[in-house]
Amino acid sequence: MIRQPRLGYLVADGARARLMLRHADGRYDVLSELVPEDDHPHGHDTRALFDSGSALSAPAAKQRKRFAAALADAVSQAVAKDQFDDFVVAAPARMLREIRAKLPPSIRSKLRQELARDLTKSPGRELRRRLDALSLAGGRSGGELAQ
């Protein structure tokens, strides 16, 4: 019997991320939820900078890059633990580029599809619908998911 490839999802923005697994029966499990480390020495929350459309300050850009590296590491660890075979990343374009750049080539080769869109605030049912649509689309995509 041929085993269906297990598909993982990284749904991220600059302030939060979820690493998820889709089962063959359509159920989703959250493998981990991640947030960037707040490295601001005075305790100011710089995460709000990621959500704004304005230019990022140097510390915020540096934190975004570190968070992207942490996300790439989380995906690499999940693959190493055999939690999924291939994966999809859904993140705003800037964050998507950062994550892709941090993925090792051996892990990047397992990247099935990309969606340059922030789905982190999507309600559960809507998120599952969008992720299911990505699963069915297959291939690689850099664009928006059709509404």
Foldseek 3Di string as FASTA:
>chain_A
DDDDFKEWEWADFQAKIWIWIADPVLDIDTPDIDGFDPPDPVPDDCSVVRVDPDDDDPVSVVSLLVVLLVVLVVLVVCVVVVVGQAYEYEYAPVSVVSNLVNHDPVNNVRHFEYENHRCPPPPPVVSSVQVVQVVVVTHYDHYHDDD
